[in-house]
Amino acid sequence: MKKQFRITLNGKSYDVVAEIIGEEPASPSPSSGSGQRRSTRSAGAGTVAAPSEKKAPATSPEGDIPSPLAGKVVSIDVSPGDSVEAGQTIITLEAMKMNTIVSSPASGTVKKIHVSAGDAVEEGQPLLSIE
């Protein structure tokens, strides 16, 4: 099933057609037979695949918080022994010139930090542990 989206980046809009994989196509709507076509503007954007549904678990049984993506550690906003609340920013990662905020999935105390600022990390790699 394909869907059309309009994405705006840095003030410039792009019309993008994305294929949704794994969804059943909706039943076709009846055609009015008027011969009208909807015009779309394409700014050089092609068809892109929908993001995969695979997500890293929020925490492991040991309380490790895994990296949601491969990238570089920009900053670590907590220290061992700090109390954190669910949703609090704990680490900032950079991938493809974009920053991703990693938030604590639960309240607790930072037990150990497994990475340092500047480190390259892989998706699923433990960033820190909370208990």
N, C-alpha and C. Protein backbone atom coordinates (compact mmCIF):
# COMPACT_ATOMS: atom_id res chain seq x y z
N MET A 1 0.85 -1.16 0.00
CA MET A 1 0.00 0.00 0.00
C MET A 1 0.90 1.23 0.00
N LYS A 2 0.60 2.17 -0.85
CA LYS A 2 1.41 3.39 -0.94
C LYS A 2 0.59 4.56 -0.42
N LYS A 3 1.27 5.46 0.27
CA LYS A 3 0.65 6.67 0.79
C LYS A 3 1.52 7.86 0.40
N GLN A 4 0.87 8.98 0.23
CA GLN A 4 1.60 10.19 -0.13
C GLN A 4 1.70 11.09 1.09
N PHE A 5 2.88 11.66 1.29
CA PHE A 5 3.13 12.54 2.42
C PHE A 5 3.78 13.82 1.90
N ARG A 6 3.57 14.91 2.60
CA ARG A 6 4.29 16.16 2.32
C ARG A 6 5.22 16.38 3.51
N ILE A 7 6.50 16.48 3.24
CA ILE A 7 7.51 16.65 4.27
C ILE A 7 8.16 18.01 4.05
N THR A 8 8.33 18.78 5.12
CA THR A 8 8.99 20.08 5.02
C THR A 8 10.30 20.03 5.79
N LEU A 9 11.39 20.31 5.11
CA LEU A 9 12.73 20.34 5.69
C LEU A 9 13.34 21.69 5.40
N ASN A 10 13.77 22.38 6.44
CA ASN A 10 14.41 23.69 6.29
C ASN A 10 13.58 24.63 5.42
N GLY A 11 12.26 24.60 5.62
CA GLY A 11 11.38 25.50 4.91
C GLY A 11 11.03 25.09 3.49
N LYS A 12 11.54 23.97 3.01
CA LYS A 12 11.26 23.51 1.65
C LYS A 12 10.39 22.25 1.73
N SER A 13 9.27 22.25 1.00
CA SER A 13 8.34 21.12 1.05
C SER A 13 8.64 20.11 -0.06
N TYR A 14 8.48 18.85 0.29
CA TYR A 14 8.67 17.75 -0.65
C TYR A 14 7.46 16.84 -0.59
N ASP A 15 6.95 16.42 -1.75
CA ASP A 15 5.91 15.41 -1.80
C ASP A 15 6.60 14.07 -1.96
N VAL A 16 6.29 13.14 -1.06
CA VAL A 16 6.97 11.84 -1.03
C VAL A 16 5.91 10.75 -1.05
N VAL A 17 6.15 9.71 -1.83
CA VAL A 17 5.29 8.54 -1.84
C VAL A 17 6.03 7.44 -1.10
N ALA A 18 5.41 6.89 -0.05
CA ALA A 18 6.04 5.84 0.75
C ALA A 18 5.20 4.59 0.67
N GLU A 19 5.85 3.46 0.57
CA GLU A 19 5.16 2.18 0.54
C GLU A 19 5.09 1.63 1.95
N ILE A 20 3.89 1.36 2.42
CA ILE A 20 3.68 0.78 3.74
C ILE A 20 3.74 -0.73 3.56
N ILE A 21 4.72 -1.35 4.20
CA ILE A 21 4.91 -2.79 4.07
C ILE A 21 4.23 -3.49 5.24
N GLY A 22 3.47 -4.54 4.95
CA GLY A 22 2.85 -5.34 6.00
C GLY A 22 1.43 -4.94 6.33
N GLU A 23 0.88 -3.93 5.65
CA GLU A 23 -0.50 -3.55 5.88
C GLU A 23 -1.34 -4.06 4.72
N GLU A 24 -2.56 -4.44 5.03
CA GLU A 24 -3.49 -4.85 4.00
C GLU A 24 -3.96 -3.60 3.27
N PRO A 25 -4.05 -3.65 1.94
CA PRO A 25 -4.54 -2.49 1.23
C PRO A 25 -6.01 -2.25 1.53
N ALA A 26 -6.39 -0.98 1.61
CA ALA A 26 -7.78 -0.63 1.86
C ALA A 26 -8.58 -0.94 0.61
N SER A 27 -9.87 -1.22 0.80
CA SER A 27 -10.70 -1.50 -0.36
C SER A 27 -10.78 -0.25 -1.21
N PRO A 28 -10.71 -0.43 -2.53
CA PRO A 28 -10.70 0.76 -3.38
C PRO A 28 -12.01 1.52 -3.27
N SER A 29 -11.90 2.86 -3.28
CA SER A 29 -13.09 3.68 -3.19
C SER A 29 -13.74 3.75 -4.57
N PRO A 30 -15.04 3.87 -4.61
CA PRO A 30 -15.70 3.93 -5.91
C PRO A 30 -15.25 5.15 -6.69
N SER A 31 -15.05 4.98 -7.96
CA SER A 31 -14.59 6.07 -8.81
C SER A 31 -15.79 6.86 -9.29
N SER A 32 -15.63 8.18 -9.31
CA SER A 32 -16.73 9.02 -9.75
C SER A 32 -16.82 9.07 -11.26
N GLY A 33 -15.78 8.63 -11.94
CA GLY A 33 -15.79 8.59 -13.39
C GLY A 33 -15.69 9.97 -14.01
N SER A 34 -15.35 10.98 -13.24
CA SER A 34 -15.30 12.34 -13.77
C SER A 34 -14.02 12.60 -14.56
N GLY A 35 -13.08 11.70 -14.46
CA GLY A 35 -11.82 11.87 -15.19
C GLY A 35 -10.90 12.88 -14.55
N GLN A 36 -11.22 13.35 -13.34
CA GLN A 36 -10.35 14.32 -12.68
C GLN A 36 -9.14 13.61 -12.10
N ARG A 37 -8.00 14.27 -12.20
CA ARG A 37 -6.77 13.75 -11.61
C ARG A 37 -6.24 14.77 -10.64
N ARG A 38 -5.72 14.28 -9.58
CA ARG A 38 -5.12 15.18 -8.60
C ARG A 38 -3.68 15.44 -9.00
N SER A 39 -3.31 16.68 -9.10
CA SER A 39 -1.95 17.06 -9.48
C SER A 39 -1.09 17.11 -8.23
N THR A 40 0.10 16.55 -8.32
CA THR A 40 1.03 16.62 -7.20
C THR A 40 2.34 17.20 -7.69
N ARG A 41 2.96 17.95 -6.83
CA ARG A 41 4.25 18.55 -7.13
C ARG A 41 5.33 17.67 -6.54
N SER A 42 6.32 17.35 -7.30
CA SER A 42 7.44 16.56 -6.81
C SER A 42 8.70 17.39 -6.88
N ALA A 43 9.37 17.51 -5.76
CA ALA A 43 10.60 18.30 -5.71
C ALA A 43 11.82 17.40 -5.71
N GLY A 44 11.83 16.45 -6.63
CA GLY A 44 12.99 15.57 -6.74
C GLY A 44 12.95 14.42 -5.75
N ALA A 45 11.87 14.30 -5.00
CA ALA A 45 11.78 13.23 -4.02
C ALA A 45 11.26 11.97 -4.71
N GLY A 46 11.85 10.85 -4.42
CA GLY A 46 11.43 9.58 -5.01
C GLY A 46 10.64 8.77 -4.01
N THR A 47 10.42 7.53 -4.36
CA THR A 47 9.71 6.64 -3.45
C THR A 47 10.67 6.19 -2.36
N VAL A 48 10.21 6.26 -1.13
CA VAL A 48 11.03 5.83 0.00
C VAL A 48 10.31 4.72 0.73
N ALA A 49 11.06 3.81 1.31
CA ALA A 49 10.47 2.72 2.08
C ALA A 49 10.05 3.23 3.44
N ALA A 50 8.98 2.66 3.96
CA ALA A 50 8.51 3.01 5.30
C ALA A 50 9.53 2.50 6.31
N PRO A 51 9.67 3.18 7.45
CA PRO A 51 10.62 2.69 8.46
C PRO A 51 10.21 1.32 8.96
N SER A 52 11.20 0.53 9.32
CA SER A 52 10.88 -0.81 9.81
C SER A 52 10.22 -0.72 11.18
N GLU A 53 9.49 -1.73 11.52
CA GLU A 53 8.77 -1.74 12.79
C GLU A 53 9.65 -2.19 13.95
N LYS A 54 10.91 -2.58 13.65
CA LYS A 54 11.80 -3.10 14.69
C LYS A 54 12.19 -1.98 15.63
N LYS A 55 12.00 -2.18 16.90
CA LYS A 55 12.37 -1.19 17.91
C LYS A 55 13.24 -1.87 18.95
N ALA A 56 14.21 -1.13 19.46
CA ALA A 56 15.04 -1.64 20.53
C ALA A 56 14.21 -1.68 21.81
N PRO A 57 14.42 -2.68 22.66
CA PRO A 57 13.65 -2.73 23.90
C PRO A 57 14.00 -1.53 24.78
N ALA A 58 13.05 -1.09 25.61
CA ALA A 58 13.27 0.06 26.48
C ALA A 58 14.40 -0.19 27.47
N THR A 59 14.40 -1.34 28.10
CA THR A 59 15.50 -1.72 28.99
C THR A 59 15.66 -3.22 28.92
N SER A 60 16.85 -3.69 29.29
CA SER A 60 17.09 -5.12 29.37
C SER A 60 16.80 -5.56 30.81
N PRO A 61 16.81 -6.87 31.06
CA PRO A 61 16.57 -7.33 32.42
C PRO A 61 17.56 -6.76 33.44
N GLU A 62 18.77 -6.40 32.99
CA GLU A 62 19.78 -5.86 33.89
C GLU A 62 19.61 -4.36 34.11
N GLY A 63 18.60 -3.74 33.46
CA GLY A 63 18.40 -2.30 33.59
C GLY A 63 19.18 -1.49 32.58
N ASP A 64 19.81 -2.16 31.60
CA ASP A 64 20.55 -1.44 30.57
C ASP A 64 19.58 -0.75 29.63
N ILE A 65 19.90 0.48 29.26
CA ILE A 65 19.11 1.21 28.26
C ILE A 65 19.90 1.15 26.96
N PRO A 66 19.34 0.48 25.93
CA PRO A 66 20.06 0.31 24.67
C PRO A 66 19.94 1.53 23.76
N SER A 67 20.90 1.67 22.88
CA SER A 67 20.86 2.74 21.89
C SER A 67 19.75 2.44 20.89
N PRO A 68 18.90 3.43 20.57
CA PRO A 68 17.84 3.20 19.61
C PRO A 68 18.34 3.19 18.17
N LEU A 69 19.59 3.62 17.94
CA LEU A 69 20.14 3.69 16.59
C LEU A 69 21.66 3.71 16.65
N ALA A 70 22.27 3.49 15.49
CA ALA A 70 23.72 3.61 15.39
C ALA A 70 24.06 5.09 15.23
N GLY A 71 25.05 5.56 15.93
CA GLY A 71 25.43 6.97 15.84
C GLY A 71 26.59 7.29 16.74
N LYS A 72 26.71 8.57 17.08
CA LYS A 72 27.80 9.05 17.93
C LYS A 72 27.20 9.70 19.16
N VAL A 73 27.79 9.44 20.33
CA VAL A 73 27.33 10.04 21.57
C VAL A 73 27.78 11.51 21.58
N VAL A 74 26.78 12.42 21.63
CA VAL A 74 27.08 13.85 21.66
C VAL A 74 27.25 14.31 23.10
N SER A 75 26.31 13.93 23.97
CA SER A 75 26.41 14.34 25.37
C SER A 75 25.75 13.31 26.27
N ILE A 76 26.25 13.25 27.49
CA ILE A 76 25.67 12.41 28.53
C ILE A 76 25.19 13.37 29.61
N ASP A 77 23.88 13.37 29.86
CA ASP A 77 23.28 14.37 30.72
C ASP A 77 23.07 13.93 32.16
N VAL A 78 23.58 12.76 32.51
CA VAL A 78 23.46 12.24 33.87
C VAL A 78 24.80 11.66 34.30
N SER A 79 24.93 11.38 35.59
CA SER A 79 26.14 10.78 36.15
C SER A 79 25.73 9.59 37.01
N PRO A 80 26.65 8.65 37.25
CA PRO A 80 26.33 7.54 38.14
C PRO A 80 25.86 8.07 39.49
N GLY A 81 24.79 7.48 40.02
CA GLY A 81 24.24 7.90 41.30
C GLY A 81 23.11 8.91 41.17
N ASP A 82 22.95 9.52 39.99
CA ASP A 82 21.87 10.49 39.79
C ASP A 82 20.52 9.78 39.78
N SER A 83 19.52 10.44 40.36
CA SER A 83 18.14 9.95 40.25
C SER A 83 17.56 10.51 38.96
N VAL A 84 16.86 9.66 38.22
CA VAL A 84 16.22 10.08 36.97
C VAL A 84 14.74 9.76 37.02
N GLU A 85 13.97 10.59 36.34
CA GLU A 85 12.53 10.38 36.21
C GLU A 85 12.25 9.80 34.82
N ALA A 86 11.16 9.08 34.69
CA ALA A 86 10.75 8.57 33.38
C ALA A 86 10.57 9.75 32.43
N GLY A 87 11.14 9.65 31.23
CA GLY A 87 11.04 10.71 30.24
C GLY A 87 12.14 11.75 30.30
N GLN A 88 12.98 11.69 31.32
CA GLN A 88 14.08 12.65 31.45
C GLN A 88 15.16 12.36 30.41
N THR A 89 15.73 13.42 29.81
CA THR A 89 16.82 13.26 28.85
C THR A 89 18.04 12.71 29.57
N ILE A 90 18.61 11.63 29.02
CA ILE A 90 19.79 11.04 29.65
C ILE A 90 21.01 11.10 28.74
N ILE A 91 20.79 10.95 27.42
CA ILE A 91 21.90 10.96 26.45
C ILE A 91 21.40 11.57 25.16
N THR A 92 22.29 12.28 24.45
CA THR A 92 21.99 12.78 23.11
C THR A 92 22.92 12.08 22.13
N LEU A 93 22.32 11.51 21.07
CA LEU A 93 23.07 10.83 20.02
C LEU A 93 22.97 11.63 18.73
N GLU A 94 23.97 11.51 17.87
CA GLU A 94 23.92 12.13 16.56
C GLU A 94 24.07 11.04 15.51
N ALA A 95 23.19 11.11 14.50
CA ALA A 95 23.29 10.21 13.36
C ALA A 95 22.84 11.00 12.13
N MET A 96 23.63 10.98 11.10
CA MET A 96 23.30 11.67 9.85
C MET A 96 23.00 13.16 10.09
N LYS A 97 23.82 13.81 10.91
CA LYS A 97 23.73 15.24 11.19
C LYS A 97 22.45 15.64 11.93
N MET A 98 21.78 14.65 12.55
CA MET A 98 20.58 14.95 13.34
C MET A 98 20.77 14.40 14.74
N ASN A 99 20.33 15.16 15.74
CA ASN A 99 20.43 14.72 17.12
C ASN A 99 19.19 13.96 17.52
N THR A 100 19.38 12.89 18.28
CA THR A 100 18.30 12.09 18.83
C THR A 100 18.45 12.09 20.34
N ILE A 101 17.40 12.48 21.03
CA ILE A 101 17.39 12.50 22.48
C ILE A 101 16.99 11.12 22.98
N VAL A 102 17.77 10.56 23.88
CA VAL A 102 17.42 9.29 24.52
C VAL A 102 16.91 9.64 25.91
N SER A 103 15.67 9.25 26.18
CA SER A 103 15.03 9.54 27.47
C SER A 103 14.98 8.29 28.32
N SER A 104 14.95 8.48 29.62
CA SER A 104 14.84 7.35 30.54
C SER A 104 13.45 6.73 30.40
N PRO A 105 13.39 5.41 30.22
CA PRO A 105 12.09 4.75 30.09
C PRO A 105 11.38 4.60 31.43
N ALA A 106 12.11 4.76 32.52
CA ALA A 106 11.52 4.58 33.86
C ALA A 106 12.30 5.42 34.87
N SER A 107 11.69 5.62 36.01
CA SER A 107 12.38 6.33 37.09
C SER A 107 13.35 5.37 37.76
N GLY A 108 14.42 5.91 38.31
CA GLY A 108 15.40 5.08 39.00
C GLY A 108 16.68 5.84 39.27
N THR A 109 17.72 5.09 39.55
CA THR A 109 19.04 5.67 39.83
C THR A 109 20.02 5.16 38.78
N VAL A 110 20.84 6.06 38.25
CA VAL A 110 21.85 5.67 37.27
C VAL A 110 22.89 4.81 37.98
N LYS A 111 23.01 3.56 37.54
CA LYS A 111 23.96 2.64 38.15
C LYS A 111 25.33 2.74 37.48
N LYS A 112 25.36 2.71 36.13
CA LYS A 112 26.63 2.72 35.42
C LYS A 112 26.42 3.31 34.04
N ILE A 113 27.40 4.06 33.56
CA ILE A 113 27.38 4.60 32.20
C ILE A 113 28.39 3.80 31.39
N HIS A 114 27.92 3.23 30.28
CA HIS A 114 28.76 2.32 29.48
C HIS A 114 29.47 3.02 28.31
N VAL A 115 29.16 4.30 28.05
CA VAL A 115 29.74 5.01 26.90
C VAL A 115 30.28 6.37 27.36
N SER A 116 31.04 7.01 26.48
CA SER A 116 31.56 8.36 26.73
C SER A 116 31.18 9.26 25.57
N ALA A 117 31.15 10.56 25.80
CA ALA A 117 30.90 11.51 24.72
C ALA A 117 31.93 11.29 23.62
N GLY A 118 31.46 11.26 22.38
CA GLY A 118 32.35 11.03 21.24
C GLY A 118 32.41 9.59 20.79
N ASP A 119 31.93 8.65 21.62
CA ASP A 119 31.93 7.24 21.24
C ASP A 119 30.95 6.96 20.12
N ALA A 120 31.33 6.06 19.22
CA ALA A 120 30.41 5.54 18.21
C ALA A 120 29.67 4.37 18.84
N VAL A 121 28.35 4.32 18.65
CA VAL A 121 27.56 3.23 19.22
C VAL A 121 26.73 2.56 18.13
N GLU A 122 26.41 1.31 18.35
CA GLU A 122 25.57 0.54 17.44
C GLU A 122 24.16 0.46 18.00
N GLU A 123 23.19 0.22 17.15
CA GLU A 123 21.81 0.04 17.60
C GLU A 123 21.75 -1.15 18.56
N GLY A 124 21.10 -0.94 19.70
CA GLY A 124 20.97 -2.00 20.69
C GLY A 124 22.08 -2.07 21.70
N GLN A 125 23.18 -1.35 21.46
CA GLN A 125 24.31 -1.35 22.40
C GLN A 125 23.89 -0.67 23.69
N PRO A 126 24.22 -1.25 24.85
CA PRO A 126 23.86 -0.60 26.13
C PRO A 126 24.55 0.75 26.29
N LEU A 127 23.76 1.77 26.64
CA LEU A 127 24.30 3.11 26.87
C LEU A 127 24.59 3.33 28.34
N LEU A 128 23.60 3.00 29.18
CA LEU A 128 23.78 3.10 30.62
C LEU A 128 22.80 2.17 31.31
N SER A 129 23.00 1.99 32.61
CA SER A 129 22.14 1.11 33.40
C SER A 129 21.46 1.93 34.48
N ILE A 130 20.17 1.64 34.68
CA ILE A 130 19.45 2.25 35.80
C ILE A 130 18.84 1.13 36.65
N GLU A 131 18.65 1.43 37.91
CA GLU A 131 18.04 0.44 38.81
C GLU A 131 16.96 1.09 39.62
